[in-house]
Amino acid sequence: MVLYNIRLMLCIIHDITEEVHLKKELEFSAAHDPLTGLLNRREFTVWLRRQLLSPGVIVCC
């Protein structure tokens, strides 16, 4: 004999909007020069290497 047929669910919601925004801001700051906003040397080197390894791509710097 079943006295109670109760199903329970616990839902926890955590807003991570601010954390995602801060992470994107930190990633941008790590890859760009703060004065000019251009890619820093490390990121430019990574970008250039990727471009040179892409088939059919001509890079003129």
PDB file of N, CA and C in Angstrom:
ATOM      1  N   MET A   1       0.829  -1.166   0.000  1.00  0.00           N
ATOM      2  CA  MET A   1       0.000   0.000   0.000  1.00  0.00           C
ATOM      3  C   MET A   1       0.888   1.249   0.000  1.00  0.00           C
ATOM      4  N   VAL A   2       0.632   2.199  -0.923  1.00  0.00           N
ATOM      5  CA  VAL A   2       1.401   3.432  -1.028  1.00  0.00           C
ATOM      6  C   VAL A   2       0.600   4.550  -0.390  1.00  0.00           C
ATOM      7  N   LEU A   3       1.184   5.148   0.624  1.00  0.00           N
ATOM      8  CA  LEU A   3       0.496   6.250   1.290  1.00  0.00           C
ATOM      9  C   LEU A   3       0.739   7.583   0.581  1.00  0.00           C
ATOM     10  N   TYR A   4       1.981   7.805   0.179  1.00  0.00           N
ATOM     11  CA  TYR A   4       2.332   9.080  -0.445  1.00  0.00           C
ATOM     12  C   TYR A   4       3.059   8.823  -1.757  1.00  0.00           C
ATOM     13  N   ASN A   5       2.630   9.475  -2.790  1.00  0.00           N
ATOM     14  CA  ASN A   5       3.307   9.384  -4.084  1.00  0.00           C
ATOM     15  C   ASN A   5       3.825  10.791  -4.406  1.00  0.00           C
ATOM     16  N   ILE A   6       4.911  11.155  -3.746  1.00  0.00           N
ATOM     17  CA  ILE A   6       5.453  12.511  -3.873  1.00  0.00           C
ATOM     18  C   ILE A   6       6.822  12.443  -4.551  1.00  0.00           C
ATOM     19  N   ARG A   7       6.987  13.273  -5.563  1.00  0.00           N
ATOM     20  CA  ARG A   7       8.290  13.403  -6.216  1.00  0.00           C
ATOM     21  C   ARG A   7       8.796  14.808  -5.944  1.00  0.00           C
ATOM     22  N   LEU A   8      10.027  14.883  -5.547  1.00  0.00           N
ATOM     23  CA  LEU A   8      10.621  16.175  -5.223  1.00  0.00           C
ATOM     24  C   LEU A   8      11.770  16.470  -6.182  1.00  0.00           C
ATOM     25  N   MET A   9      11.935  17.735  -6.466  1.00  0.00           N
ATOM     26  CA  MET A   9      13.041  18.151  -7.313  1.00  0.00           C
ATOM     27  C   MET A   9      13.626  19.419  -6.697  1.00  0.00           C
ATOM     28  N   LEU A  10      14.934  19.459  -6.609  1.00  0.00           N
ATOM     29  CA  LEU A  10      15.622  20.634  -6.098  1.00  0.00           C
ATOM     30  C   LEU A  10      16.385  21.258  -7.250  1.00  0.00           C
ATOM     31  N   CYS A  11      16.163  22.513  -7.480  1.00  0.00           N
ATOM     32  CA  CYS A  11      16.795  23.217  -8.588  1.00  0.00           C
ATOM     33  C   CYS A  11      17.563  24.404  -8.018  1.00  0.00           C
ATOM     34  N   ILE A  12      18.855  24.459  -8.294  1.00  0.00           N
ATOM     35  CA  ILE A  12      19.674  25.583  -7.845  1.00  0.00           C
ATOM     36  C   ILE A  12      20.166  26.316  -9.084  1.00  0.00           C
ATOM     37  N   ILE A  13      19.912  27.605  -9.128  1.00  0.00           N
ATOM     38  CA  ILE A  13      20.313  28.422 -10.270  1.00  0.00           C
ATOM     39  C   ILE A  13      21.302  29.466  -9.777  1.00  0.00           C
ATOM     40  N   HIS A  14      22.414  29.559 -10.479  1.00  0.00           N
ATOM     41  CA  HIS A  14      23.447  30.524 -10.126  1.00  0.00           C
ATOM     42  C   HIS A  14      23.742  31.362 -11.359  1.00  0.00           C
ATOM     43  N   ASP A  15      23.560  32.650 -11.270  1.00  0.00           N
ATOM     44  CA  ASP A  15      23.791  33.558 -12.393  1.00  0.00           C
ATOM     45  C   ASP A  15      25.294  33.770 -12.561  1.00  0.00           C
ATOM     46  N   ILE A  16      25.830  33.359 -13.715  1.00  0.00           N
ATOM     47  CA  ILE A  16      27.263  33.490 -13.971  1.00  0.00           C
ATOM     48  C   ILE A  16      27.553  34.574 -15.007  1.00  0.00           C
ATOM     49  N   THR A  17      26.596  35.445 -15.248  1.00  0.00           N
ATOM     50  CA  THR A  17      26.762  36.492 -16.251  1.00  0.00           C
ATOM     51  C   THR A  17      27.990  37.345 -15.963  1.00  0.00           C
ATOM     52  N   GLU A  18      28.141  37.787 -14.729  1.00  0.00           N
ATOM     53  CA  GLU A  18      29.269  38.644 -14.359  1.00  0.00           C
ATOM     54  C   GLU A  18      30.596  37.902 -14.503  1.00  0.00           C
ATOM     55  N   GLU A  19      30.639  36.631 -14.108  1.00  0.00           N
ATOM     56  CA  GLU A  19      31.867  35.855 -14.222  1.00  0.00           C
ATOM     57  C   GLU A  19      32.267  35.658 -15.677  1.00  0.00           C
ATOM     58  N   VAL A  20      31.296  35.403 -16.551  1.00  0.00           N
ATOM     59  CA  VAL A  20      31.575  35.245 -17.980  1.00  0.00           C
ATOM     60  C   VAL A  20      32.101  36.554 -18.552  1.00  0.00           C
ATOM     61  N   HIS A  21      31.492  37.666 -18.168  1.00  0.00           N
ATOM     62  CA  HIS A  21      31.938  38.978 -18.635  1.00  0.00           C
ATOM     63  C   HIS A  21      33.374  39.254 -18.183  1.00  0.00           C
ATOM     64  N   LEU A  22      33.681  38.981 -16.920  1.00  0.00           N
ATOM     65  CA  LEU A  22      35.030  39.206 -16.404  1.00  0.00           C
ATOM     66  C   LEU A  22      36.051  38.302 -17.079  1.00  0.00           C
ATOM     67  N   LYS A  23      35.662  37.052 -17.379  1.00  0.00           N
ATOM     68  CA  LYS A  23      36.575  36.135 -18.056  1.00  0.00           C
ATOM     69  C   LYS A  23      36.902  36.642 -19.457  1.00  0.00           C
ATOM     70  N   LYS A  24      35.883  37.105 -20.189  1.00  0.00           N
ATOM     71  CA  LYS A  24      36.118  37.637 -21.531  1.00  0.00           C
ATOM     72  C   LYS A  24      36.995  38.881 -21.479  1.00  0.00           C
ATOM     73  N   GLU A  25      36.758  39.728 -20.486  1.00  0.00           N
ATOM     74  CA  GLU A  25      37.559  40.941 -20.323  1.00  0.00           C
ATOM     75  C   GLU A  25      39.013  40.592 -20.012  1.00  0.00           C
ATOM     76  N   LEU A  26      39.228  39.602 -19.169  1.00  0.00           N
ATOM     77  CA  LEU A  26      40.576  39.168 -18.823  1.00  0.00           C
ATOM     78  C   LEU A  26      41.286  38.559 -20.026  1.00  0.00           C
ATOM     79  N   GLU A  27      40.577  37.741 -20.805  1.00  0.00           N
ATOM     80  CA  GLU A  27      41.170  37.151 -22.007  1.00  0.00           C
ATOM     81  C   GLU A  27      41.559  38.236 -23.011  1.00  0.00           C
ATOM     82  N   PHE A  28      40.708  39.249 -23.166  1.00  0.00           N
ATOM     83  CA  PHE A  28      41.019  40.347 -24.077  1.00  0.00           C
ATOM     84  C   PHE A  28      42.249  41.103 -23.585  1.00  0.00           C
ATOM     85  N   SER A  29      42.304  41.390 -22.286  1.00  0.00           N
ATOM     86  CA  SER A  29      43.437  42.123 -21.718  1.00  0.00           C
ATOM     87  C   SER A  29      44.741  41.349 -21.858  1.00  0.00           C
ATOM     88  N   ALA A  30      44.670  40.032 -21.762  1.00  0.00           N
ATOM     89  CA  ALA A  30      45.872  39.212 -21.879  1.00  0.00           C
ATOM     90  C   ALA A  30      46.384  39.152 -23.310  1.00  0.00           C
ATOM     91  N   ALA A  31      45.525  39.395 -24.295  1.00  0.00           N
ATOM     92  CA  ALA A  31      45.907  39.244 -25.698  1.00  0.00           C
ATOM     93  C   ALA A  31      46.125  40.573 -26.420  1.00  0.00           C
ATOM     94  N   HIS A  32      45.787  41.690 -25.788  1.00  0.00           N
ATOM     95  CA  HIS A  32      45.853  42.981 -26.470  1.00  0.00           C
ATOM     96  C   HIS A  32      46.677  43.998 -25.689  1.00  0.00           C
ATOM     97  N   ASP A  33      47.264  44.930 -26.423  1.00  0.00           N
ATOM     98  CA  ASP A  33      48.006  46.032 -25.832  1.00  0.00           C
ATOM     99  C   ASP A  33      47.013  47.014 -25.199  1.00  0.00           C
ATOM    100  N   PRO A  34      47.261  47.436 -23.958  1.00  0.00           N
ATOM    101  CA  PRO A  34      46.294  48.317 -23.301  1.00  0.00           C
ATOM    102  C   PRO A  34      46.220  49.715 -23.917  1.00  0.00           C
ATOM    103  N   LEU A  35      47.286  50.185 -24.538  1.00  0.00           N
ATOM    104  CA  LEU A  35      47.293  51.526 -25.103  1.00  0.00           C
ATOM    105  C   LEU A  35      46.626  51.574 -26.473  1.00  0.00           C
ATOM    106  N   THR A  36      46.971  50.612 -27.333  1.00  0.00           N
ATOM    107  CA  THR A  36      46.477  50.649 -28.712  1.00  0.00           C
ATOM    108  C   THR A  36      45.273  49.753 -28.954  1.00  0.00           C
ATOM    109  N   GLY A  37      45.110  48.723 -28.123  1.00  0.00           N
ATOM    110  CA  GLY A  37      44.027  47.770 -28.344  1.00  0.00           C
ATOM    111  C   GLY A  37      44.362  46.731 -29.406  1.00  0.00           C
ATOM    112  N   LEU A  38      45.578  46.807 -29.961  1.00  0.00           N
ATOM    113  CA  LEU A  38      46.004  45.832 -30.967  1.00  0.00           C
ATOM    114  C   LEU A  38      46.505  44.570 -30.286  1.00  0.00           C
ATOM    115  N   LEU A  39      46.618  43.485 -31.069  1.00  0.00           N
ATOM    116  CA  LEU A  39      47.166  42.246 -30.520  1.00  0.00           C
ATOM    117  C   LEU A  39      48.572  42.489 -29.996  1.00  0.00           C
ATOM    118  N   ASN A  40      48.895  41.879 -28.858  1.00  0.00           N
ATOM    119  CA  ASN A  40      50.259  41.987 -28.366  1.00  0.00           C
ATOM    120  C   ASN A  40      51.159  41.049 -29.163  1.00  0.00           C
ATOM    121  N   ARG A  41      52.446  41.081 -28.912  1.00  0.00           N
ATOM    122  CA  ARG A  41      53.401  40.322 -29.718  1.00  0.00           C
ATOM    123  C   ARG A  41      53.118  38.824 -29.684  1.00  0.00           C
ATOM    124  N   ARG A  42      52.833  38.311 -28.512  1.00  0.00           N
ATOM    125  CA  ARG A  42      52.577  36.870 -28.387  1.00  0.00           C
ATOM    126  C   ARG A  42      51.364  36.457 -29.212  1.00  0.00           C
ATOM    127  N   GLU A  43      50.273  37.177 -29.077  1.00  0.00           N
ATOM    128  CA  GLU A  43      49.063  36.833 -29.826  1.00  0.00           C
ATOM    129  C   GLU A  43      49.226  37.076 -31.318  1.00  0.00           C
ATOM    130  N   PHE A  44      49.986  38.117 -31.682  1.00  0.00           N
ATOM    131  CA  PHE A  44      50.230  38.372 -33.099  1.00  0.00           C
ATOM    132  C   PHE A  44      51.028  37.220 -33.706  1.00  0.00           C
ATOM    133  N   THR A  45      52.015  36.726 -32.965  1.00  0.00           N
ATOM    134  CA  THR A  45      52.815  35.597 -33.445  1.00  0.00           C
ATOM    135  C   THR A  45      51.945  34.357 -33.625  1.00  0.00           C
ATOM    136  N   VAL A  46      51.059  34.096 -32.681  1.00  0.00           N
ATOM    137  CA  VAL A  46      50.142  32.955 -32.791  1.00  0.00           C
ATOM    138  C   VAL A  46      49.241  33.126 -34.006  1.00  0.00           C
ATOM    139  N   TRP A  47      48.683  34.330 -34.180  1.00  0.00           N
ATOM    140  CA  TRP A  47      47.804  34.609 -35.321  1.00  0.00           C
ATOM    141  C   TRP A  47      48.553  34.441 -36.634  1.00  0.00           C
ATOM    142  N   LEU A  48      49.777  34.982 -36.725  1.00  0.00           N
ATOM    143  CA  LEU A  48      50.562  34.904 -37.955  1.00  0.00           C
ATOM    144  C   LEU A  48      50.915  33.456 -38.288  1.00  0.00           C
ATOM    145  N   ARG A  49      51.311  32.691 -37.288  1.00  0.00           N
ATOM    146  CA  ARG A  49      51.648  31.278 -37.514  1.00  0.00           C
ATOM    147  C   ARG A  49      50.427  30.521 -38.036  1.00  0.00           C
ATOM    148  N   ARG A  50      49.253  30.800 -37.452  1.00  0.00           N
ATOM    149  CA  ARG A  50      48.022  30.160 -37.901  1.00  0.00           C
ATOM    150  C   ARG A  50      47.716  30.521 -39.356  1.00  0.00           C
ATOM    151  N   GLN A  51      47.921  31.788 -39.709  1.00  0.00           N
ATOM    152  CA  GLN A  51      47.660  32.233 -41.072  1.00  0.00           C
ATOM    153  C   GLN A  51      48.624  31.589 -42.058  1.00  0.00           C
ATOM    154  N   LEU A  52      49.889  31.490 -41.680  1.00  0.00           N
ATOM    155  CA  LEU A  52      50.890  30.908 -42.575  1.00  0.00           C
ATOM    156  C   LEU A  52      50.666  29.417 -42.793  1.00  0.00           C
ATOM    157  N   LEU A  53      50.091  28.748 -41.808  1.00  0.00           N
ATOM    158  CA  LEU A  53      49.834  27.314 -41.937  1.00  0.00           C
ATOM    159  C   LEU A  53      48.526  27.015 -42.661  1.00  0.00           C
ATOM    160  N   SER A  54      47.693  28.023 -42.860  1.00  0.00           N
ATOM    161  CA  SER A  54      46.430  27.823 -43.568  1.00  0.00           C
ATOM    162  C   SER A  54      46.694  27.679 -45.061  1.00  0.00           C
ATOM    163  N   PRO A  55      46.139  26.642 -45.693  1.00  0.00           N
ATOM    164  CA  PRO A  55      46.372  26.452 -47.126  1.00  0.00           C
ATOM    165  C   PRO A  55      45.693  27.544 -47.950  1.00  0.00           C
ATOM    166  N   GLY A  56      46.420  28.026 -48.941  1.00  0.00           N
ATOM    167  CA  GLY A  56      45.857  29.002 -49.866  1.00  0.00           C
ATOM    168  C   GLY A  56      45.748  30.406 -49.320  1.00  0.00           C
ATOM    169  N   VAL A  57      46.418  30.687 -48.211  1.00  0.00           N
ATOM    170  CA  VAL A  57      46.347  32.018 -47.614  1.00  0.00           C
ATOM    171  C   VAL A  57      47.661  32.739 -47.862  1.00  0.00           C
ATOM    172  N   ILE A  58      47.569  33.967 -48.341  1.00  0.00           N
ATOM    173  CA  ILE A  58      48.754  34.796 -48.548  1.00  0.00           C
ATOM    174  C   ILE A  58      48.702  35.918 -47.521  1.00  0.00           C
ATOM    175  N   VAL A  59      49.768  36.025 -46.723  1.00  0.00           N
ATOM    176  CA  VAL A  59      49.827  37.048 -45.687  1.00  0.00           C
ATOM    177  C   VAL A  59      50.884  38.062 -46.077  1.00  0.00           C
ATOM    178  N   CYS A  60      50.502  39.319 -46.153  1.00  0.00           N
ATOM    179  CA  CYS A  60      51.445  40.399 -46.436  1.00  0.00           C
ATOM    180  C   CYS A  60      51.519  41.285 -45.203  1.00  0.00           C
ATOM    181  N   CYS A  61      52.685  41.328 -44.582  1.00  0.00           N
ATOM    182  CA  CYS A  61      52.856  42.166 -43.377  1.00  0.00           C
ATOM    183  C   CYS A  61      53.801  43.302 -43.679  1.00  0.00           C
TER     184      CYS A  61
END
